[in-house]
Amino acid sequence: MSSLAFVTGATGFIGSQVVASALRDGYNVRVSVRKPEQIDTLKGIFHDDASRLQFVVVPDIAVAGAFDKALDGVKVVFHLASPMPGKGADLQKDYLEPARNGTLSILESAKKVGSIEKVIVMSSILGIGPVDLFSNTDQFVAANTGKRHEIDLDKVFPGGKGENGSMYVASKIVAHQASLDWAVEHKPAFQLITVHPTFVLGPSLIRKTATDLDGINAWFWQSLQLPAPLFPAVIVDVRDVADLCLKAAAVDVKPGEAELVASGAPTSWREIGEWVRAKYPQLETRLEEDGPTPFRVENDVLGVRWRPLGETLGGLIDQQLALQKGSA
C-alpha cells in the first residue's frame, strides 16, 4: 500500500513539482488548496495520476487548527504554502505574521497525528542568511550552524515601503527560526527538516500563457534584456528542489544536518550570457556584466546530483518561447 504524502502550496511553482516528484516516487498525495476551483486545475495537470490525488480546502493556512482534519493517515508533510508578503508597509502584519503563522499552524496540527514521520518545510536561503544578504552578497551562507541572525526591527526597517526587500528577508529569517524554536519546545515525534533553495529557475507545470511568467523566472527573463542582471547567479533547478524534498523524506537525515541547502553548480552571469547567445541568438540578450557577487553555499547535500545549467535555462527558455509562439 502506498504511503500518503500531504502537500501545501501545490498550485505554486515549486509545490507543483513536489507533487509530481511524490507521485513519481509512488506516494498517494493529499493536497490542500485555498479555493475549490483550484482542484480541477491540479487534476488537469496531473491527469495521469488523478486517482492517486486527494484534496482538502484550507482557506487560510495561518489560522490555528487549519490542518487538524487534513492530516489523518499522512506519513510525510511537504509544507510549501506561504502567504506572500510584500504588499504592505506593516512589518508585523504584512510580513512576519503571515510567514510565521502558516508554518506554526501546520506544525501544531502535525503534532497531533501519530503517523507523521517527517515534516519538510520549504524555507529559503534567506532563512539562514544574514538580513543584509541582498545588499552584501559577497559572503558564505552556512546551514546547520545553530546561529541566530538577530534582527533589530526598529533599526533595520526605518523606511516603511522603501524597505520591502529587507522586510521580506526578515520574514524568512523569523519564520525559519520560529519553526526551530517550536521543535525545541514541543519535541514532536516527527522530524522537522527545512529546505533552503537559492534562486529557483526552470520550466513550470502550472503556467498556461507567456504572461504567466513570474517570480525568479521573470527576473531571469528581464535580466536577459539588461546589461546587468537583477540577482546574483546562485541558481537551482526547480525540479532539483523537488527531488531534494523527496530525498529528504526517503533517507535518514541526521538531526544536526536538517537544514538542507539547494543550489546548483557555481556559475556566473557572463557564462549565462555566453550560453544564451550561443543557444538562442534570436533573444539578442544584452547581458554583459556579472552583476552582484554570488554568495557562496555548500551544495553537497544528501548526494543529490544537480542538473547542468543548460538543462535548467533551456527548460525555462524553451517553455517561454513555445508559449509566446502559441499566443502569437
Protein backbone atom coordinates (compact mmCIF):
# COMPACT_ATOMS: atom_id res chain seq x y z
CA MET A 1 0.00 0.00 0.00
CA SER A 2 1.37 3.39 -0.98
CA SER A 3 2.26 5.88 1.73
CA LEU A 4 0.32 9.13 1.92
CA ALA A 5 2.06 12.48 1.48
CA PHE A 6 0.45 15.83 2.27
CA VAL A 7 1.44 18.87 0.22
CA THR A 8 0.60 22.52 0.77
CA GLY A 9 1.31 25.11 -1.91
CA ALA A 10 0.71 22.61 -4.72
CA THR A 11 -0.57 25.30 -7.09
CA GLY A 12 2.77 27.08 -6.84
CA PHE A 13 5.91 26.83 -8.95
CA ILE A 14 7.87 24.61 -6.56
CA GLY A 15 4.89 22.94 -4.89
CA SER A 16 3.55 21.54 -8.16
CA GLN A 17 6.93 19.95 -8.84
CA VAL A 18 6.92 18.40 -5.37
CA VAL A 19 3.54 16.81 -6.15
CA ALA A 20 4.96 15.46 -9.43
CA SER A 21 8.02 14.03 -7.68
CA ALA A 22 5.92 12.48 -4.91
CA LEU A 23 3.64 10.78 -7.43
CA ARG A 24 6.68 9.56 -9.36
CA ASP A 25 8.12 8.06 -6.17
CA GLY A 26 4.93 6.11 -5.51
CA TYR A 27 3.14 8.24 -2.93
CA ASN A 28 -0.53 8.89 -2.85
CA VAL A 29 -0.82 12.64 -2.40
CA ARG A 30 -3.32 14.70 -0.43
CA VAL A 31 -3.21 18.35 -1.44
CA SER A 32 -4.53 21.40 0.36
CA VAL A 33 -5.90 24.25 -1.76
CA ARG A 34 -7.23 27.65 -0.79
CA LYS A 35 -10.13 27.63 -3.25
CA PRO A 36 -12.29 24.74 -4.54
CA GLU A 37 -11.74 25.78 -8.16
CA GLN A 38 -8.04 25.00 -7.80
CA ILE A 39 -8.88 21.30 -7.54
CA ASP A 40 -9.83 21.00 -11.22
CA THR A 41 -6.65 22.84 -12.18
CA LEU A 42 -4.49 20.31 -10.35
CA LYS A 43 -6.49 17.37 -11.68
CA GLY A 44 -5.77 18.66 -15.17
CA ILE A 45 -2.04 18.98 -14.53
CA PHE A 46 -1.77 15.52 -13.00
CA HIS A 47 -4.47 13.82 -15.06
CA ASP A 48 -2.49 10.59 -15.46
CA ASP A 49 -2.39 10.16 -11.67
CA ALA A 50 -5.70 11.76 -10.72
CA SER A 51 -6.84 8.60 -8.92
CA ARG A 52 -3.92 8.95 -6.50
CA LEU A 53 -4.75 12.53 -5.56
CA GLN A 54 -6.92 13.70 -2.67
CA PHE A 55 -7.95 17.28 -1.92
CA VAL A 56 -8.86 19.37 1.10
CA VAL A 57 -9.79 23.05 1.09
CA VAL A 58 -7.94 25.21 3.63
CA PRO A 59 -8.89 28.86 3.01
CA ASP A 60 -6.43 30.37 5.49
CA ILE A 61 -3.35 28.36 6.44
CA ALA A 62 -2.39 30.78 9.21
CA VAL A 63 -5.49 30.04 11.30
CA ALA A 64 -4.81 27.83 14.31
CA GLY A 65 -6.15 24.33 13.70
CA ALA A 66 -6.49 24.90 9.94
CA PHE A 67 -4.97 21.49 9.18
CA ASP A 68 -6.41 19.49 12.09
CA LYS A 69 -8.79 17.49 9.88
CA ALA A 70 -6.45 17.20 6.90
CA LEU A 71 -3.58 15.04 8.14
CA ASP A 72 -5.14 11.72 9.16
CA GLY A 73 -3.06 8.81 7.84
CA VAL A 74 -0.31 11.03 6.45
CA LYS A 75 3.30 9.80 6.62
CA VAL A 76 5.18 12.87 5.40
CA VAL A 77 4.21 16.53 5.11
CA PHE A 78 5.67 18.85 2.49
CA HIS A 79 4.80 22.40 3.52
CA LEU A 80 5.35 24.90 0.72
CA ALA A 81 2.42 27.28 1.08
CA SER A 82 3.26 30.71 2.39
CA PRO A 83 1.15 33.86 2.32
CA MET A 84 3.19 36.08 0.03
CA PRO A 85 4.28 39.21 1.88
CA GLY A 86 5.31 42.42 0.21
CA LYS A 87 2.08 44.27 -0.50
CA GLY A 88 2.12 46.48 2.57
CA ALA A 89 4.36 48.51 4.84
CA ASP A 90 3.44 46.95 8.19
CA LEU A 91 6.34 44.68 9.15
CA GLN A 92 4.39 42.54 11.61
CA LYS A 93 1.04 42.33 9.80
CA ASP A 94 2.23 42.15 6.19
CA TYR A 95 5.47 40.19 6.57
CA LEU A 96 6.28 38.46 9.83
CA GLU A 97 2.88 37.14 10.91
CA PRO A 98 1.88 35.56 7.56
CA ALA A 99 5.23 33.84 7.12
CA ARG A 100 5.46 32.59 10.70
CA ASN A 101 1.88 31.63 11.49
CA GLY A 102 1.29 29.39 8.47
CA THR A 103 4.24 27.20 9.39
CA LEU A 104 3.40 27.05 13.08
CA SER A 105 -0.20 26.14 12.23
CA ILE A 106 0.76 23.02 10.29
CA LEU A 107 3.38 22.01 12.87
CA GLU A 108 0.77 22.17 15.62
CA SER A 109 -1.65 20.05 13.60
CA ALA A 110 1.05 17.54 12.64
CA LYS A 111 1.98 17.07 16.29
CA LYS A 112 -1.44 15.53 16.89
CA VAL A 113 -1.05 12.84 14.19
CA GLY A 114 0.98 9.80 15.19
CA SER A 115 1.53 8.51 11.66
CA ILE A 116 3.59 11.52 10.56
CA GLU A 117 7.32 10.77 10.45
CA LYS A 118 8.68 13.91 8.80
CA VAL A 119 7.56 17.47 8.17
CA ILE A 120 9.60 19.08 5.40
CA VAL A 121 9.22 22.86 5.30
CA MET A 122 10.23 24.93 2.29
CA SER A 123 12.18 27.92 3.51
CA SER A 124 14.77 29.87 1.52
CA ILE A 125 18.46 30.57 1.56
CA LEU A 126 17.30 33.87 3.05
CA GLY A 127 16.07 31.99 6.11
CA ILE A 128 19.60 31.06 7.20
CA GLY A 129 21.46 34.08 5.87
CA PRO A 130 22.01 37.49 7.43
CA VAL A 131 19.43 40.16 6.80
CA ASP A 132 21.87 42.09 4.57
CA LEU A 133 22.36 39.17 2.16
CA PHE A 134 20.90 41.05 -0.81
CA SER A 135 22.93 44.20 -0.20
CA ASN A 136 26.11 42.32 0.77
CA THR A 137 26.21 39.21 -1.40
CA ASP A 138 29.94 38.55 -1.09
CA GLN A 139 29.71 36.11 1.81
CA PHE A 140 29.35 32.43 2.66
CA VAL A 141 25.92 31.24 3.83
CA ALA A 142 26.21 28.16 6.02
CA ALA A 143 23.49 25.78 7.17
CA ASN A 144 23.22 23.86 10.44
CA THR A 145 25.37 26.29 12.43
CA GLY A 146 22.83 26.92 15.17
CA LYS A 147 23.50 30.62 14.69
CA ARG A 148 20.63 33.03 15.19
CA HIS A 149 20.57 36.08 12.99
CA GLU A 150 19.25 38.65 15.41
CA ILE A 151 17.16 41.41 13.90
CA ASP A 152 16.73 44.85 15.43
CA LEU A 153 13.41 45.52 13.77
CA ASP A 154 13.31 49.22 14.62
CA LYS A 155 16.84 49.81 13.37
CA VAL A 156 16.80 47.71 10.22
CA PHE A 157 13.48 48.87 8.81
CA PRO A 158 13.13 52.62 9.34
CA GLY A 159 11.82 53.37 5.87
CA GLY A 160 8.48 51.55 5.61
CA LYS A 161 7.67 50.77 1.99
CA GLY A 162 11.23 51.56 0.95
CA GLU A 163 12.44 48.61 2.98
CA ASN A 164 10.21 45.91 1.44
CA GLY A 165 13.16 43.80 0.33
CA SER A 166 14.76 43.82 3.75
CA MET A 167 11.44 43.14 5.44
CA TYR A 168 10.89 40.13 3.18
CA VAL A 169 14.31 38.77 4.13
CA ALA A 170 13.46 39.34 7.79
CA SER A 171 10.21 37.41 7.39
CA LYS A 172 12.11 34.38 6.09
CA ILE A 173 14.59 34.53 8.96
CA VAL A 174 11.87 34.95 11.58
CA ALA A 175 9.66 32.17 10.15
CA HIS A 176 12.54 29.71 9.98
CA GLN A 177 13.71 30.48 13.49
CA ALA A 178 10.15 30.19 14.78
CA SER A 179 9.87 26.66 13.38
CA LEU A 180 13.16 25.63 15.02
CA ASP A 181 12.13 27.16 18.34
CA TRP A 182 8.80 25.35 18.13
CA ALA A 183 10.54 22.00 17.61
CA VAL A 184 12.82 22.57 20.60
CA GLU A 185 9.89 23.49 22.81
CA HIS A 186 7.41 20.81 21.72
CA LYS A 187 9.75 17.91 20.88
CA PRO A 188 7.40 16.37 18.29
CA ALA A 189 7.56 12.69 17.38
CA PHE A 190 8.22 13.64 13.75
CA GLN A 191 11.47 15.06 12.37
CA LEU A 192 11.42 18.66 11.18
CA ILE A 193 13.51 19.25 8.05
CA THR A 194 13.87 22.61 6.32
CA VAL A 195 14.90 23.19 2.71
CA HIS A 196 16.73 26.36 1.69
CA PRO A 197 16.93 26.90 -2.08
CA THR A 198 18.84 29.72 -3.70
CA PHE A 199 17.29 31.37 -6.78
CA VAL A 200 14.90 28.80 -8.27
CA LEU A 201 14.56 28.61 -12.06
CA GLY A 202 13.23 26.16 -14.60
CA PRO A 203 10.14 25.02 -16.50
CA SER A 204 6.77 25.35 -14.82
CA LEU A 205 3.96 22.82 -14.53
CA ILE A 206 1.36 25.48 -13.81
CA ARG A 207 1.91 28.13 -16.47
CA LYS A 208 -0.60 28.44 -19.29
CA THR A 209 0.47 31.64 -21.07
CA ALA A 210 3.66 33.58 -21.73
CA THR A 211 2.41 36.39 -19.49
CA ASP A 212 2.16 33.99 -16.53
CA LEU A 213 5.93 34.24 -16.09
CA ASP A 214 6.62 35.34 -12.54
CA GLY A 215 8.98 35.07 -9.58
CA ILE A 216 12.67 34.41 -10.23
CA ASN A 217 11.86 33.12 -13.72
CA ALA A 218 10.51 36.59 -14.56
CA TRP A 219 13.60 38.23 -13.06
CA PHE A 220 15.77 36.00 -15.23
CA TRP A 221 13.82 36.82 -18.38
CA GLN A 222 14.05 40.54 -17.64
CA SER A 223 17.77 40.22 -16.90
CA LEU A 224 18.40 38.89 -20.41
CA GLN A 225 17.47 42.32 -21.75
CA LEU A 226 19.57 44.30 -19.28
CA PRO A 227 23.32 44.92 -19.24
CA ALA A 228 23.41 43.94 -15.56
CA PRO A 229 21.23 41.17 -14.06
CA LEU A 230 18.69 41.63 -11.28
CA PHE A 231 20.01 38.98 -8.88
CA PRO A 232 23.21 37.04 -8.10
CA ALA A 233 23.98 33.98 -10.22
CA VAL A 234 23.29 31.42 -7.50
CA ILE A 235 20.78 29.18 -9.23
CA VAL A 236 19.00 25.88 -8.67
CA ASP A 237 16.59 23.96 -10.90
CA VAL A 238 13.03 23.74 -9.57
CA ARG A 239 13.00 20.01 -10.32
CA ASP A 240 16.12 19.52 -8.20
CA VAL A 241 14.48 21.34 -5.30
CA ALA A 242 11.52 18.97 -5.52
CA ASP A 243 13.80 15.95 -5.77
CA LEU A 244 15.72 17.10 -2.69
CA CYS A 245 12.44 17.25 -0.76
CA LEU A 246 11.62 13.66 -1.74
CA LYS A 247 15.16 12.51 -0.98
CA ALA A 248 14.85 14.06 2.48
CA ALA A 249 11.65 12.09 3.00
CA ALA A 250 13.24 8.81 1.93
CA VAL A 251 16.62 8.75 3.68
CA ASP A 252 17.88 9.22 7.21
CA VAL A 253 18.68 12.87 7.85
CA LYS A 254 20.84 13.44 10.91
CA PRO A 255 19.23 15.80 13.44
CA GLY A 256 22.15 18.22 13.27
CA GLU A 257 22.02 18.32 9.48
CA ALA A 258 18.32 19.01 8.92
CA GLU A 259 18.78 22.39 7.20
CA LEU A 260 19.23 21.39 3.55
CA VAL A 261 20.62 23.91 1.05
CA ALA A 262 19.52 23.50 -2.57
CA SER A 263 21.86 25.16 -5.04
CA GLY A 264 23.28 24.06 -8.37
CA ALA A 265 26.83 24.25 -9.65
CA PRO A 266 28.55 27.65 -9.35
CA THR A 267 28.14 29.85 -12.41
CA SER A 268 28.34 33.49 -13.47
CA TRP A 269 26.19 35.82 -15.49
CA ARG A 270 28.95 36.05 -18.09
CA GLU A 271 28.71 32.29 -18.53
CA ILE A 272 24.92 32.52 -18.69
CA GLY A 273 25.06 35.33 -21.25
CA GLU A 274 27.50 33.44 -23.46
CA TRP A 275 25.39 30.29 -23.26
CA VAL A 276 22.16 32.12 -24.15
CA ARG A 277 23.79 33.96 -27.07
CA ALA A 278 25.13 30.68 -28.47
CA LYS A 279 21.94 28.67 -27.95
CA TYR A 280 19.27 31.34 -28.52
CA PRO A 281 20.74 34.10 -30.71
CA GLN A 282 17.23 35.29 -31.56
CA LEU A 283 16.82 36.55 -27.99
CA GLU A 284 19.58 39.14 -28.56
CA THR A 285 20.45 39.19 -24.88
CA ARG A 286 22.17 42.35 -23.64
CA LEU A 287 23.80 40.67 -20.65
CA GLU A 288 27.38 41.88 -20.38
CA GLU A 289 28.11 42.23 -16.68
CA ASP A 290 28.41 39.69 -13.88
CA GLY A 291 26.09 41.62 -11.58
CA PRO A 292 26.20 41.16 -7.80
CA THR A 293 28.94 38.89 -6.47
CA PRO A 294 27.32 35.47 -5.93
CA PHE A 295 27.12 34.43 -2.31
CA ARG A 296 28.63 31.03 -1.62
CA VAL A 297 26.97 27.91 -0.20
CA GLU A 298 27.77 24.26 0.43
CA ASN A 299 25.72 22.26 -2.07
CA ASP A 300 26.84 18.69 -1.32
CA VAL A 301 23.50 17.65 0.17
CA LEU A 302 22.19 14.08 0.53
CA GLY A 303 24.07 13.03 -2.58
CA VAL A 304 21.75 14.96 -4.89
CA ARG A 305 23.16 15.45 -8.39
CA TRP A 306 22.20 18.91 -9.60
CA ARG A 307 21.10 19.39 -13.19
CA PRO A 308 23.55 21.16 -15.51
CA LEU A 309 22.91 24.85 -16.07
CA GLY A 310 21.93 24.36 -19.70
CA GLU A 311 19.13 21.97 -18.77
CA THR A 312 17.69 24.47 -16.30
CA LEU A 313 17.91 27.52 -18.54
CA GLY A 314 16.90 25.58 -21.64
CA GLY A 315 13.80 24.23 -19.92
CA LEU A 316 12.74 27.74 -18.93
CA ILE A 317 13.57 29.45 -22.23
CA ASP A 318 12.06 26.72 -24.43
CA GLN A 319 8.82 26.86 -22.46
CA GLN A 320 8.62 30.64 -22.66
CA LEU A 321 9.31 30.70 -26.40
CA ALA A 322 6.71 27.98 -27.01
CA LEU A 323 4.10 29.90 -25.02
CA GLN A 324 4.93 33.12 -26.85
CA LYS A 325 4.58 31.34 -30.19
CA GLY A 326 1.28 29.83 -29.12
CA SER A 327 -0.16 33.24 -28.25
CA ALA A 328 1.06 34.94 -31.43
